[in-house]
Amino acid sequence: MQLTLWTYEGPPHVGAMRVATAMEDVHYVLHAPQGDTYADLLFTMIERLPRRPPVTYTTFQARDLGSDTADLFKTACSQAYERFRPNAMLVGASCTAELIQDDPGGLARALNLPVPIVPLELPSYQRKENWGASETFYQIVRTLAGPHAPAPGSKRAPRDAGVAPSCNLLGATALGFRHRDDVREITGLLNELGVEVRTVAPLGASADDIAHLGDADFNVVLYPETGAQAASWLQRFFGQPFTKTIPIGVGATKAFIAEVLQLAGLPADTPLPDSLSRSPWYSRSVDSTYLTGKRVFIFGDATHVIAAARVAHQEMGFTVVGLGTYSREFARDVRDAAKLYGVEALITDDYLEVEAKVAELQPELVLGTQMERHIAKRLGVPCAVISSPVHVQDFPARYSPQMGFEGANVIFDTWVHPLMMGLEEHLLTMFRGDFEFHDGAAASHLGRATAASAPARSEEVAADTTPETTPAAALAPPAASSAAIAVAQWAADAQKELQKIPFFVRGKARRNTERFAAERGLATITVETLYDAKAHFGR
């Protein structure tokens, strides 16, 4: 075990809480000491839920360890059922209570409660939060849907004629990154294709919904970290295929639609409802062409990292210089993705290793979690959040999906705006001494004639231009001196570099660079001259 200030994932019982909190009529009894109740704040403070998670803690204390802590658990379990009357109960232990070995599952069964009991064996010292969420959802599906499974070896009955195809959406949980909005976006997309969404699980599902998951024709796995294990079980026991494509980005959304049409038995030439996606045109437009080739580093959960790398490379024209994940269960998938971009995947849950890699690669944009947001801020690099763990600002009140065609629009805005802000800072630094851009300049729309009435740029400039300290030669008309200066020739690589500067300031950059070269008697302007001029006028 390693001590750390930050962690990408909590212990697995937090993953179980994410599933229980997402569902409607399920209650989780957690054998835990008093201090482990901190997890409630994750949902009420960060996700801003208007209710407490459906969790009852035994909250044993040190003095209880000398007595029978098993009785504490049975009492808490009985009281939780009497108070909340759930239709299913999850029982388990936190990382601390795991050491006591009280067997919450066996104790709960001994109470003979009139609802299904789902015992959770979550090894807190070997596994983490996402695995805990996946295992919890899998056990719930297995316990509640298992009794409705057809006999082994029986074939799935074909869909009745005239009945619309249907599916379930699997994987969305509480405290997930944009899960609420992704579900809404993909549900609308599937409805446009003529596919009915029967159940979203675990988010918003009841115990009865889980029991009837097998009624749908196929499953859509939105988040493999939490939904793939349950989907695989449903495929084995109910014959339900499930999607493999994650619809993040325009290209992946179109591939997802093609996969859905095939699973639903719908015509492959069904029109794509992509009229609302502005991302492809924006990515090709004059407003964003200067972003081509920007170096980007990506880190987060495996699903969002793999998707973000594909979008960055194929749809935004960025150069992926590094990517990685803290999801060790999906390390192979991330390594395979990294090979596509000629980089080595970083598999770690140590934020200090991530910070060292960002500092080494010196990217121009970081796409990551709230950890990478802090890292990028310290290093002065633009950053956009693409994955959990997240903070309160990543649960916006507005509709802000990551998936589907509208998700592609959100991604474009989220990723490009930090770079635009960086560009503005760059331009302010480069031209802050220019007569049109300095703090004391008159409004440009009023014309040059008003410059005389504008306040002086600074006390330093005013002091430097007094007759007592300024040589007579410096007071000569500027036109007379500049007219005699020959314009230097631009080298091909410098000309190419100049074209990367946005068109609306390119002329200014050219003039400043040529003036810089002329004052130093340079016959040829190279790339080094261009950046030397930038540094000179930025002082």
Protein backbone atom coordinates (compact mmCIF):
# COMPACT_ATOMS: atom_id res chain seq x y z
CA MET A 1 0.00 0.00 0.00
CA GLN A 2 1.22 3.49 -0.89
CA LEU A 3 0.31 6.66 0.98
CA THR A 4 -0.87 9.46 -1.28
CA LEU A 5 -2.48 12.87 -1.11
CA TRP A 6 -4.69 12.29 -4.16
CA THR A 7 -6.16 9.12 -5.56
CA TYR A 8 -7.84 8.43 -8.89
CA GLU A 9 -10.20 5.82 -7.44
CA GLY A 10 -11.64 5.11 -4.02
CA PRO A 11 -11.94 1.65 -2.49
CA PRO A 12 -14.37 -0.80 -4.13
CA HIS A 13 -17.20 -0.17 -1.65
CA VAL A 14 -17.39 3.39 -3.08
CA GLY A 15 -18.06 1.79 -6.46
CA ALA A 16 -20.84 -0.25 -4.85
CA MET A 17 -22.27 2.98 -3.43
CA ARG A 18 -22.28 4.51 -6.91
CA VAL A 19 -24.44 1.64 -8.17
CA ALA A 20 -26.78 1.63 -5.14
CA THR A 21 -27.21 5.41 -5.31
CA ALA A 22 -28.00 5.22 -9.02
CA MET A 23 -30.86 2.75 -8.50
CA GLU A 24 -34.39 3.46 -7.27
CA ASP A 25 -35.39 0.86 -4.66
CA VAL A 26 -32.15 -0.77 -3.56
CA HIS A 27 -30.52 -0.27 -0.15
CA TYR A 28 -26.88 -0.93 0.78
CA VAL A 29 -25.94 -1.97 4.31
CA LEU A 30 -22.22 -1.35 4.79
CA HIS A 31 -20.32 -2.82 7.71
CA ALA A 32 -17.97 0.06 8.42
CA PRO A 33 -16.43 2.10 11.24
CA GLN A 34 -17.62 5.58 12.03
CA GLY A 35 -15.01 7.32 9.85
CA ASP A 36 -16.02 5.57 6.61
CA THR A 37 -19.25 7.57 6.34
CA TYR A 38 -17.31 10.29 4.49
CA ALA A 39 -18.44 8.77 1.19
CA ASP A 40 -21.87 10.43 1.49
CA LEU A 41 -20.25 13.76 0.66
CA LEU A 42 -19.16 12.51 -2.76
CA PHE A 43 -22.78 12.41 -3.86
CA THR A 44 -24.36 15.30 -1.99
CA MET A 45 -21.51 17.79 -2.35
CA ILE A 46 -19.80 16.87 -5.64
CA GLU A 47 -22.70 15.48 -7.69
CA ARG A 48 -25.14 17.75 -5.83
CA LEU A 49 -27.80 15.10 -5.39
CA PRO A 50 -30.84 16.33 -3.42
CA ARG A 51 -30.83 13.19 -1.25
CA ARG A 52 -28.43 11.05 0.76
CA PRO A 53 -27.18 7.81 -0.75
CA PRO A 54 -29.31 4.78 0.20
CA VAL A 55 -26.64 3.45 2.53
CA THR A 56 -26.83 2.35 6.18
CA TYR A 57 -23.57 2.11 8.09
CA THR A 58 -23.05 -0.07 11.15
CA THR A 59 -20.58 2.60 12.40
CA PHE A 60 -18.86 0.40 14.94
CA GLN A 61 -16.24 2.02 17.17
CA ALA A 62 -13.02 0.80 18.74
CA ARG A 63 -14.73 -0.30 21.95
CA ASP A 64 -17.08 -2.52 19.90
CA LEU A 65 -14.21 -4.67 18.67
CA GLY A 66 -14.08 -6.42 22.04
CA SER A 67 -17.70 -7.52 21.72
CA ASP A 68 -19.79 -9.11 18.97
CA THR A 69 -19.70 -6.81 15.96
CA ALA A 70 -21.79 -9.35 14.05
CA ASP A 71 -24.79 -8.43 16.19
CA LEU A 72 -24.24 -4.77 15.29
CA PHE A 73 -24.46 -5.67 11.62
CA LYS A 74 -27.62 -7.80 11.99
CA THR A 75 -29.31 -5.06 13.96
CA ALA A 76 -28.39 -2.41 11.39
CA CYS A 77 -29.59 -4.66 8.56
CA SER A 78 -32.96 -5.36 10.19
CA GLN A 79 -33.53 -1.72 11.02
CA ALA A 80 -32.61 -0.62 7.50
CA TYR A 81 -35.19 -2.98 6.00
CA GLU A 82 -37.92 -1.87 8.40
CA ARG A 83 -37.21 1.79 7.76
CA PHE A 84 -36.67 1.89 3.99
CA ARG A 85 -38.55 -1.21 2.74
CA PRO A 86 -36.32 -1.75 -0.32
CA ASN A 87 -37.02 -4.39 -2.97
CA ALA A 88 -33.41 -5.63 -2.81
CA MET A 89 -30.57 -5.21 -0.34
CA LEU A 90 -26.85 -5.08 -0.92
CA VAL A 91 -24.61 -6.05 1.98
CA GLY A 92 -20.85 -5.74 2.30
CA ALA A 93 -17.92 -4.42 4.27
CA SER A 94 -15.64 -1.43 3.93
CA CYS A 95 -11.88 -1.79 3.72
CA THR A 96 -11.56 -1.48 7.52
CA ALA A 97 -14.43 -3.84 8.38
CA GLU A 98 -13.09 -6.40 5.92
CA LEU A 99 -10.34 -7.17 8.42
CA ILE A 100 -12.90 -8.28 11.02
CA GLN A 101 -14.25 -11.02 8.71
CA ASP A 102 -17.83 -10.90 9.97
CA ASP A 103 -19.34 -12.27 6.70
CA PRO A 104 -22.11 -9.71 6.01
CA GLY A 105 -23.66 -11.93 3.34
CA GLY A 106 -24.16 -14.89 5.66
CA LEU A 107 -25.42 -12.70 8.48
CA ALA A 108 -27.99 -11.01 6.22
CA ARG A 109 -29.30 -14.32 4.86
CA ALA A 110 -29.74 -15.59 8.41
CA LEU A 111 -32.25 -12.80 9.02
CA ASN A 112 -34.64 -14.30 6.40
CA LEU A 113 -35.70 -10.93 5.10
CA PRO A 114 -38.46 -11.07 2.43
CA VAL A 115 -36.30 -9.43 -0.29
CA PRO A 116 -33.35 -10.64 -2.35
CA ILE A 117 -29.99 -10.23 -0.63
CA VAL A 118 -26.97 -9.45 -2.81
CA PRO A 119 -23.75 -10.17 -0.90
CA LEU A 120 -20.72 -8.22 -2.12
CA GLU A 121 -17.24 -9.66 -1.73
CA LEU A 122 -15.07 -6.67 -2.64
CA PRO A 123 -11.35 -7.15 -1.87
CA SER A 124 -10.47 -3.63 -0.78
CA TYR A 125 -6.73 -4.14 -0.77
CA GLN A 126 -6.49 -5.63 -4.26
CA ARG A 127 -9.20 -3.78 -6.22
CA LYS A 128 -10.57 -0.27 -6.56
CA GLU A 129 -13.67 1.79 -7.23
CA ASN A 130 -14.51 1.05 -10.88
CA TRP A 131 -13.99 -2.66 -10.37
CA GLY A 132 -16.25 -2.46 -7.29
CA ALA A 133 -18.98 -0.78 -9.35
CA SER A 134 -18.67 -3.39 -12.11
CA GLU A 135 -18.74 -6.31 -9.67
CA THR A 136 -21.71 -4.85 -7.78
CA PHE A 137 -23.77 -4.34 -10.94
CA TYR A 138 -22.86 -7.82 -12.15
CA GLN A 139 -23.94 -9.41 -8.86
CA ILE A 140 -27.22 -7.47 -8.88
CA VAL A 141 -27.99 -8.59 -12.44
CA ARG A 142 -27.03 -12.16 -11.69
CA THR A 143 -29.17 -12.28 -8.52
CA LEU A 144 -32.27 -10.51 -9.84
CA ALA A 145 -32.30 -11.54 -13.52
CA GLY A 146 -30.89 -15.03 -13.02
CA PRO A 147 -34.21 -16.66 -12.02
CA HIS A 148 -35.74 -15.44 -15.32
CA ALA A 149 -33.01 -16.90 -17.55
CA PRO A 150 -34.12 -19.47 -20.13
CA ALA A 151 -33.03 -23.07 -19.85
CA PRO A 152 -29.39 -23.68 -20.86
CA GLY A 153 -29.05 -24.41 -24.57
CA SER A 154 -32.40 -22.93 -25.55
CA LYS A 155 -32.46 -20.47 -28.44
CA ARG A 156 -33.73 -16.95 -28.08
CA ALA A 157 -37.20 -16.50 -29.57
CA PRO A 158 -37.33 -14.18 -32.59
CA ARG A 159 -38.97 -10.78 -32.25
CA ASP A 160 -42.63 -10.65 -33.22
CA ALA A 161 -43.42 -9.07 -36.58
CA GLY A 162 -44.22 -5.38 -36.39
CA VAL A 163 -42.64 -4.95 -32.97
CA ALA A 164 -39.91 -2.32 -32.75
CA PRO A 165 -36.46 -3.55 -31.70
CA SER A 166 -35.47 -2.77 -28.12
CA CYS A 167 -32.32 -2.51 -26.06
CA ASN A 168 -31.00 -1.71 -22.58
CA LEU A 169 -28.39 0.95 -21.82
CA LEU A 170 -25.83 -0.47 -19.38
CA GLY A 171 -23.07 1.10 -17.30
CA ALA A 172 -24.30 4.55 -16.25
CA THR A 173 -23.93 5.14 -12.48
CA ALA A 174 -24.10 7.89 -9.93
CA LEU A 175 -20.98 10.08 -9.74
CA GLY A 176 -20.13 9.24 -13.36
CA PHE A 177 -18.65 11.80 -15.73
CA ARG A 178 -21.61 13.21 -17.71
CA HIS A 179 -23.49 9.89 -17.43
CA ARG A 180 -26.85 11.62 -16.95
CA ASP A 181 -26.51 13.62 -20.16
CA ASP A 182 -24.95 10.77 -22.15
CA VAL A 183 -27.96 8.58 -21.36
CA ARG A 184 -30.32 11.30 -22.57
CA GLU A 185 -28.34 11.85 -25.78
CA ILE A 186 -28.03 8.17 -26.70
CA THR A 187 -31.65 7.47 -25.80
CA GLY A 188 -32.76 10.19 -28.21
CA LEU A 189 -30.41 8.90 -30.89
CA LEU A 190 -31.73 5.34 -30.58
CA ASN A 191 -35.33 6.54 -30.67
CA GLU A 192 -34.61 8.39 -33.91
CA LEU A 193 -33.30 5.13 -35.35
CA GLY A 194 -36.50 3.33 -34.34
CA VAL A 195 -35.00 1.45 -31.38
CA GLU A 196 -36.84 1.44 -28.06
CA VAL A 197 -34.82 1.82 -24.87
CA ARG A 198 -36.41 -0.51 -22.32
CA THR A 199 -34.16 -0.01 -19.31
CA VAL A 200 -31.22 2.17 -18.33
CA ALA A 201 -29.20 0.41 -15.65
CA PRO A 202 -28.06 0.87 -13.05
CA LEU A 203 -28.88 4.60 -13.34
CA GLY A 204 -32.60 5.01 -12.61
CA ALA A 205 -33.37 1.27 -12.64
CA SER A 206 -35.51 -0.56 -10.09
CA ALA A 207 -35.06 -4.13 -8.90
CA ASP A 208 -37.94 -5.18 -11.16
CA ASP A 209 -36.27 -3.47 -14.15
CA ILE A 210 -33.11 -5.49 -13.53
CA ALA A 211 -35.13 -8.70 -13.30
CA HIS A 212 -36.50 -8.10 -16.81
CA LEU A 213 -33.32 -6.98 -18.57
CA GLY A 214 -33.50 -10.15 -20.64
CA ASP A 215 -36.67 -8.95 -22.40
CA ALA A 216 -34.71 -6.56 -24.65
CA ASP A 217 -33.21 -7.67 -27.97
CA PHE A 218 -29.69 -6.46 -27.23
CA ASN A 219 -27.67 -4.31 -24.85
CA VAL A 220 -25.79 -1.07 -25.40
CA VAL A 221 -22.71 -0.82 -23.19
CA LEU A 222 -21.94 2.85 -22.68
CA TYR A 223 -19.17 2.42 -20.08
CA PRO A 224 -17.25 -0.90 -20.21
CA GLU A 225 -15.61 -0.21 -16.84
CA THR A 226 -18.97 -0.69 -15.12
CA GLY A 227 -21.23 -2.40 -17.68
CA ALA A 228 -19.21 -4.89 -19.72
CA GLN A 229 -19.15 -7.69 -17.14
CA ALA A 230 -22.92 -7.68 -16.70
CA ALA A 231 -23.42 -7.47 -20.49
CA SER A 232 -21.21 -10.53 -21.00
CA TRP A 233 -23.28 -12.47 -18.45
CA LEU A 234 -26.53 -11.45 -20.16
CA GLN A 235 -25.12 -12.58 -23.50
CA ARG A 236 -24.22 -16.01 -22.10
CA PHE A 237 -27.50 -16.66 -20.28
CA PHE A 238 -30.06 -14.69 -22.33
CA GLY A 239 -28.45 -14.69 -25.77
CA GLN A 240 -28.37 -10.88 -25.88
CA PRO A 241 -25.54 -9.42 -27.99
CA PHE A 242 -24.09 -6.09 -26.92
CA THR A 243 -22.38 -3.17 -28.62
CA LYS A 244 -18.61 -2.75 -28.60
CA THR A 245 -18.37 0.79 -30.02
CA ILE A 246 -18.38 3.76 -27.64
CA PRO A 247 -20.18 6.69 -29.37
CA ILE A 248 -17.77 9.48 -28.45
CA GLY A 249 -16.91 11.67 -31.44
CA VAL A 250 -18.60 11.97 -34.82
CA GLY A 251 -16.80 9.03 -36.42
CA ALA A 252 -17.43 6.69 -33.50
CA THR A 253 -21.08 7.76 -33.29
CA LYS A 254 -21.59 6.85 -36.95
CA ALA A 255 -19.87 3.49 -36.36
CA PHE A 256 -22.06 2.98 -33.29
CA ILE A 257 -25.19 3.65 -35.35
CA ALA A 258 -24.10 1.08 -37.95
CA GLU A 259 -23.51 -1.49 -35.19
CA VAL A 260 -26.90 -0.77 -33.61
CA LEU A 261 -28.69 -1.10 -36.94
CA GLN A 262 -27.08 -4.49 -37.47
CA LEU A 263 -27.99 -5.77 -33.97
CA ALA A 264 -31.54 -4.41 -34.29
CA GLY A 265 -32.05 -5.94 -37.73
CA LEU A 266 -32.80 -2.55 -39.29
CA PRO A 267 -31.78 -1.48 -42.83
CA ALA A 268 -28.16 -0.40 -43.04
CA ASP A 269 -29.11 2.60 -45.18
CA THR A 270 -31.22 4.18 -42.44
CA PRO A 271 -30.49 7.95 -42.57
CA LEU A 272 -28.03 9.17 -39.95
CA PRO A 273 -29.49 11.86 -37.67
CA ASP A 274 -26.32 13.95 -37.67
CA SER A 275 -27.76 17.30 -38.72
CA LEU A 276 -27.09 18.80 -35.30
CA SER A 277 -23.37 18.07 -35.31
CA ARG A 278 -21.32 21.16 -36.05
CA SER A 279 -18.03 19.70 -34.89
CA PRO A 280 -16.79 18.40 -38.30
CA TRP A 281 -17.22 21.76 -40.02
CA TYR A 282 -15.78 23.69 -37.08
CA SER A 283 -12.75 21.37 -37.10
CA ARG A 284 -12.16 22.18 -40.79
CA SER A 285 -13.04 25.86 -40.66
CA VAL A 286 -10.70 28.85 -40.68
CA ASP A 287 -11.44 29.40 -36.98
CA SER A 288 -9.57 26.26 -35.98
CA THR A 289 -7.05 25.39 -38.68
CA TYR A 290 -4.25 26.91 -36.62
CA LEU A 291 -4.89 24.13 -34.05
CA THR A 292 -3.64 21.46 -36.45
CA GLY A 293 -0.72 19.52 -35.04
CA LYS A 294 -1.13 20.73 -31.45
CA ARG A 295 0.60 18.34 -29.06
CA VAL A 296 -1.85 16.70 -26.65
CA PHE A 297 -1.40 14.44 -23.60
CA ILE A 298 -4.39 12.31 -22.51
CA PHE A 299 -4.99 10.54 -19.18
CA GLY A 300 -8.09 9.17 -17.43
CA ASP A 301 -10.28 6.09 -17.41
CA ALA A 302 -9.75 3.73 -20.33
CA THR A 303 -13.07 4.39 -22.10
CA HIS A 304 -12.63 8.15 -22.31
CA VAL A 305 -8.87 8.04 -22.99
CA ILE A 306 -9.18 5.71 -25.99
CA ALA A 307 -12.09 7.73 -27.37
CA ALA A 308 -10.36 11.08 -26.74
CA ALA A 309 -7.21 9.95 -28.51
CA ARG A 310 -9.22 8.91 -31.57
CA VAL A 311 -11.13 12.19 -31.65
CA ALA A 312 -7.99 14.26 -31.09
CA HIS A 313 -6.09 12.53 -33.88
CA GLN A 314 -8.77 11.86 -36.50
CA GLU A 315 -11.26 14.69 -36.01
CA MET A 316 -9.30 17.58 -34.50
CA GLY A 317 -5.94 17.11 -36.21
CA PHE A 318 -3.99 17.08 -32.93
CA THR A 319 -0.80 15.12 -32.39
CA VAL A 320 -1.08 12.62 -29.53
CA VAL A 321 2.26 12.70 -27.70
CA GLY A 322 1.20 10.62 -24.70
CA LEU A 323 -1.74 8.78 -23.20
CA GLY A 324 -2.39 6.60 -20.21
CA THR A 325 -4.90 5.32 -17.69
CA TYR A 326 -5.32 4.44 -14.04
CA SER A 327 -7.69 1.58 -15.04
CA ARG A 328 -5.35 -1.38 -14.74
CA GLU A 329 -8.13 -3.80 -15.73
CA PHE A 330 -8.14 -2.15 -19.18
CA ALA A 331 -4.39 -1.62 -19.51
CA ARG A 332 -4.15 -3.91 -22.55
CA ASP A 333 -6.77 -1.90 -24.45
CA VAL A 334 -4.98 1.37 -23.71
CA ARG A 335 -1.61 -0.07 -24.74
CA ASP A 336 -3.11 -1.20 -28.04
CA ALA A 337 -4.51 2.29 -28.58
CA ALA A 338 -1.16 3.89 -27.77
CA LYS A 339 0.53 1.86 -30.52
CA LEU A 340 -1.70 3.54 -33.09
CA TYR A 341 -0.06 6.88 -32.27
CA GLY A 342 3.48 5.65 -31.82
CA VAL A 343 3.62 6.34 -28.08
CA GLU A 344 4.05 4.21 -24.98
CA ALA A 345 1.04 4.00 -22.66
CA LEU A 346 1.41 5.21 -19.09
CA ILE A 347 -0.39 2.79 -16.75
CA THR A 348 -0.33 4.16 -13.22
CA ASP A 349 -2.48 5.40 -10.36
CA ASP A 350 0.26 7.69 -9.06
CA TYR A 351 -0.46 11.30 -9.97
CA LEU A 352 3.20 12.21 -9.43
CA GLU A 353 4.19 9.90 -12.30
CA VAL A 354 1.59 11.58 -14.47
CA GLU A 355 2.90 15.02 -13.56
CA ALA A 356 6.46 13.97 -14.38
CA LYS A 357 5.35 12.66 -17.78
CA VAL A 358 3.47 15.87 -18.59
CA ALA A 359 6.53 17.93 -17.64
CA GLU A 360 8.73 15.69 -19.81
CA LEU A 361 6.52 15.77 -22.91
CA GLN A 362 5.65 19.48 -22.69
CA PRO A 363 2.28 19.18 -24.47
CA GLU A 364 0.26 22.17 -25.61
CA LEU A 365 -2.97 20.68 -24.24
CA VAL A 366 -3.75 18.19 -21.48
CA LEU A 367 -6.96 16.12 -21.52
CA GLY A 368 -7.50 14.39 -18.22
CA THR A 369 -9.20 14.25 -14.84
CA GLN A 370 -9.39 16.86 -12.11
CA MET A 371 -5.90 15.67 -11.09
CA GLU A 372 -4.51 16.64 -14.48
CA ARG A 373 -6.35 19.96 -14.23
CA HIS A 374 -4.28 20.79 -11.14
CA ILE A 375 -1.09 19.44 -12.73
CA ALA A 376 -1.61 21.47 -15.91
CA LYS A 377 -2.36 24.60 -13.92
CA ARG A 378 0.93 24.28 -12.04
CA LEU A 379 2.81 23.73 -15.30
CA GLY A 380 0.99 26.50 -17.17
CA VAL A 381 -0.56 24.20 -19.79
CA PRO A 382 -4.18 24.45 -21.04
CA CYS A 383 -6.36 21.57 -19.83
CA ALA A 384 -9.84 20.13 -20.40
CA VAL A 385 -11.46 17.48 -18.19
CA ILE A 386 -12.60 14.32 -20.03
CA SER A 387 -12.89 11.69 -17.30
CA SER A 388 -13.54 10.89 -13.65
CA PRO A 389 -12.44 11.67 -11.02
CA VAL A 390 -14.06 15.05 -11.34
CA HIS A 391 -15.08 17.93 -9.13
CA VAL A 392 -18.31 19.83 -8.63
CA GLN A 393 -17.89 22.02 -11.74
CA ASP A 394 -17.97 18.89 -13.91
CA PHE A 395 -21.61 18.29 -12.97
CA PRO A 396 -23.02 21.32 -14.80
CA ALA A 397 -26.64 22.40 -14.61
CA ARG A 398 -26.74 22.65 -18.43
CA TYR A 399 -27.07 19.77 -20.87
CA SER A 400 -23.50 18.74 -21.63
CA PRO A 401 -23.07 15.18 -22.95
CA GLN A 402 -19.86 13.60 -24.21
CA MET A 403 -21.54 10.99 -26.40
CA GLY A 404 -23.44 11.26 -29.66
CA PHE A 405 -23.47 14.13 -32.14
CA GLU A 406 -24.24 16.79 -29.57
CA GLY A 407 -21.45 15.33 -27.44
CA ALA A 408 -19.07 15.96 -30.35
CA ASN A 409 -20.09 19.63 -30.30
CA VAL A 410 -19.48 19.81 -26.55
CA ILE A 411 -16.08 18.15 -26.95
CA PHE A 412 -15.02 20.63 -29.63
CA ASP A 413 -15.91 23.61 -27.47
CA THR A 414 -14.40 22.10 -24.32
CA TRP A 415 -11.08 21.21 -25.94
CA VAL A 416 -10.61 24.20 -28.21
CA HIS A 417 -11.51 26.98 -25.80
CA PRO A 418 -8.51 26.41 -23.48
CA LEU A 419 -6.25 26.68 -26.54
CA MET A 420 -8.04 29.85 -27.67
CA MET A 421 -7.43 31.39 -24.26
CA GLY A 422 -3.81 30.37 -24.51
CA LEU A 423 -3.65 32.05 -27.91
CA GLU A 424 -5.09 35.27 -26.51
CA GLU A 425 -2.47 35.33 -23.76
CA HIS A 426 0.23 34.68 -26.35
CA LEU A 427 -0.95 37.58 -28.51
CA LEU A 428 -1.23 39.94 -25.56
CA THR A 429 2.33 39.10 -24.60
CA MET A 430 3.66 39.44 -28.14
CA PHE A 431 2.01 42.77 -28.93
CA ARG A 432 1.57 44.44 -25.56
CA GLY A 433 4.06 47.15 -26.53
CA ASP A 434 2.39 47.85 -29.87
CA PHE A 435 0.67 51.22 -30.33
CA GLU A 436 -2.65 49.47 -31.02
CA PHE A 437 -2.56 46.96 -28.20
CA HIS A 438 -0.93 48.55 -25.14
CA ASP A 439 -3.05 49.44 -22.10
CA GLY A 440 -3.00 53.15 -22.84
CA ALA A 441 -4.00 52.90 -26.49
CA ALA A 442 -7.12 54.67 -27.66
CA ALA A 443 -10.05 52.66 -28.96
CA SER A 444 -9.12 51.36 -32.41
CA HIS A 445 -12.53 52.15 -33.92
CA LEU A 446 -12.01 55.87 -33.19
CA GLY A 447 -9.05 56.11 -35.53
CA ARG A 448 -5.38 57.04 -35.13
CA ALA A 449 -6.20 60.72 -34.68
CA THR A 450 -7.39 60.12 -31.15
CA ALA A 451 -4.11 58.59 -30.05
CA ALA A 452 -2.84 61.97 -28.89
CA SER A 453 -5.63 62.19 -26.34
CA ALA A 454 -4.95 58.68 -24.96
CA PRO A 455 -3.05 58.45 -21.66
CA ALA A 456 0.62 57.58 -21.71
CA ARG A 457 1.47 53.90 -21.79
CA SER A 458 3.37 53.95 -18.53
CA GLU A 459 5.52 56.17 -16.41
CA GLU A 460 8.57 54.37 -17.78
CA VAL A 461 7.71 55.19 -21.39
CA ALA A 462 6.95 58.79 -20.46
CA ALA A 463 10.29 59.12 -18.72
CA ASP A 464 12.17 57.67 -21.66
CA THR A 465 10.72 60.20 -24.12
CA THR A 466 11.51 63.45 -22.29
CA PRO A 467 13.78 65.91 -24.18
CA GLU A 468 16.37 65.82 -21.39
CA THR A 469 17.01 62.09 -21.71
CA THR A 470 16.29 61.45 -25.38
CA PRO A 471 19.02 61.96 -28.03
CA ALA A 472 18.14 64.29 -30.88
CA ALA A 473 18.47 61.46 -33.39
CA ALA A 474 15.73 59.53 -31.63
CA LEU A 475 13.34 62.46 -32.09
CA ALA A 476 13.62 62.38 -35.88
CA PRO A 477 10.44 61.51 -37.80
CA PRO A 478 10.06 57.72 -37.91
CA ALA A 479 9.14 57.68 -41.58
CA ALA A 480 12.50 59.16 -42.60
CA SER A 481 14.48 56.49 -40.79
CA SER A 482 12.35 53.56 -41.77
CA ALA A 483 12.28 54.47 -45.43
CA ALA A 484 16.00 53.82 -45.79
CA ILE A 485 15.83 50.38 -44.21
CA ALA A 486 15.88 47.49 -46.71
CA VAL A 487 13.44 44.64 -46.12
CA ALA A 488 15.11 41.31 -45.30
CA GLN A 489 14.28 38.17 -47.28
CA TRP A 490 12.19 35.44 -45.63
CA ALA A 491 13.60 31.92 -45.50
CA ALA A 492 11.20 29.17 -46.56
CA ASP A 493 10.93 27.60 -43.09
CA ALA A 494 10.35 31.01 -41.51
CA GLN A 495 7.64 31.76 -44.06
CA LYS A 496 5.99 28.43 -43.22
CA GLU A 497 6.15 29.21 -39.50
CA LEU A 498 4.64 32.64 -40.15
CA GLN A 499 1.62 30.99 -41.76
CA LYS A 500 0.80 29.30 -38.44
CA ILE A 501 0.04 32.69 -36.92
CA PRO A 502 -3.68 33.59 -37.16
CA PHE A 503 -4.51 35.67 -40.20
CA PHE A 504 -5.83 38.63 -38.22
CA VAL A 505 -2.41 39.34 -36.65
CA ARG A 506 -0.13 37.78 -39.28
CA GLY A 507 0.56 41.11 -40.96
CA LYS A 508 1.49 42.69 -37.66
CA ALA A 509 3.85 39.82 -36.86
CA ARG A 510 5.46 40.13 -40.30
CA ARG A 511 6.04 43.88 -39.93
CA ASN A 512 7.46 43.57 -36.44
CA THR A 513 9.80 40.79 -37.51
CA GLU A 514 11.02 42.67 -40.59
CA ARG A 515 11.62 45.79 -38.49
CA PHE A 516 13.54 43.69 -35.96
CA ALA A 517 15.70 42.17 -38.73
CA ALA A 518 16.33 45.55 -40.39
CA GLU A 519 17.47 47.18 -37.17
CA ARG A 520 20.02 44.42 -36.74
CA GLY A 521 21.17 44.38 -40.35
CA LEU A 522 19.96 40.83 -41.01
CA ALA A 523 19.65 39.95 -44.71
CA THR A 524 17.56 36.79 -44.13
CA ILE A 525 14.77 36.13 -41.68
CA THR A 526 14.91 32.61 -40.23
CA VAL A 527 12.66 30.82 -37.74
CA GLU A 528 15.06 31.90 -35.01
CA THR A 529 14.70 35.52 -36.11
CA LEU A 530 10.91 35.23 -35.94
CA TYR A 531 10.98 33.99 -32.36
CA ASP A 532 13.71 36.44 -31.37
CA ALA A 533 11.46 39.22 -32.62
CA LYS A 534 8.55 37.79 -30.66
CA ALA A 535 10.67 37.76 -27.51
CA HIS A 536 11.94 41.29 -28.18
CA PHE A 537 8.51 42.84 -28.61
CA GLY A 538 7.15 40.80 -25.72
CA ARG A 539 9.55 42.41 -23.22
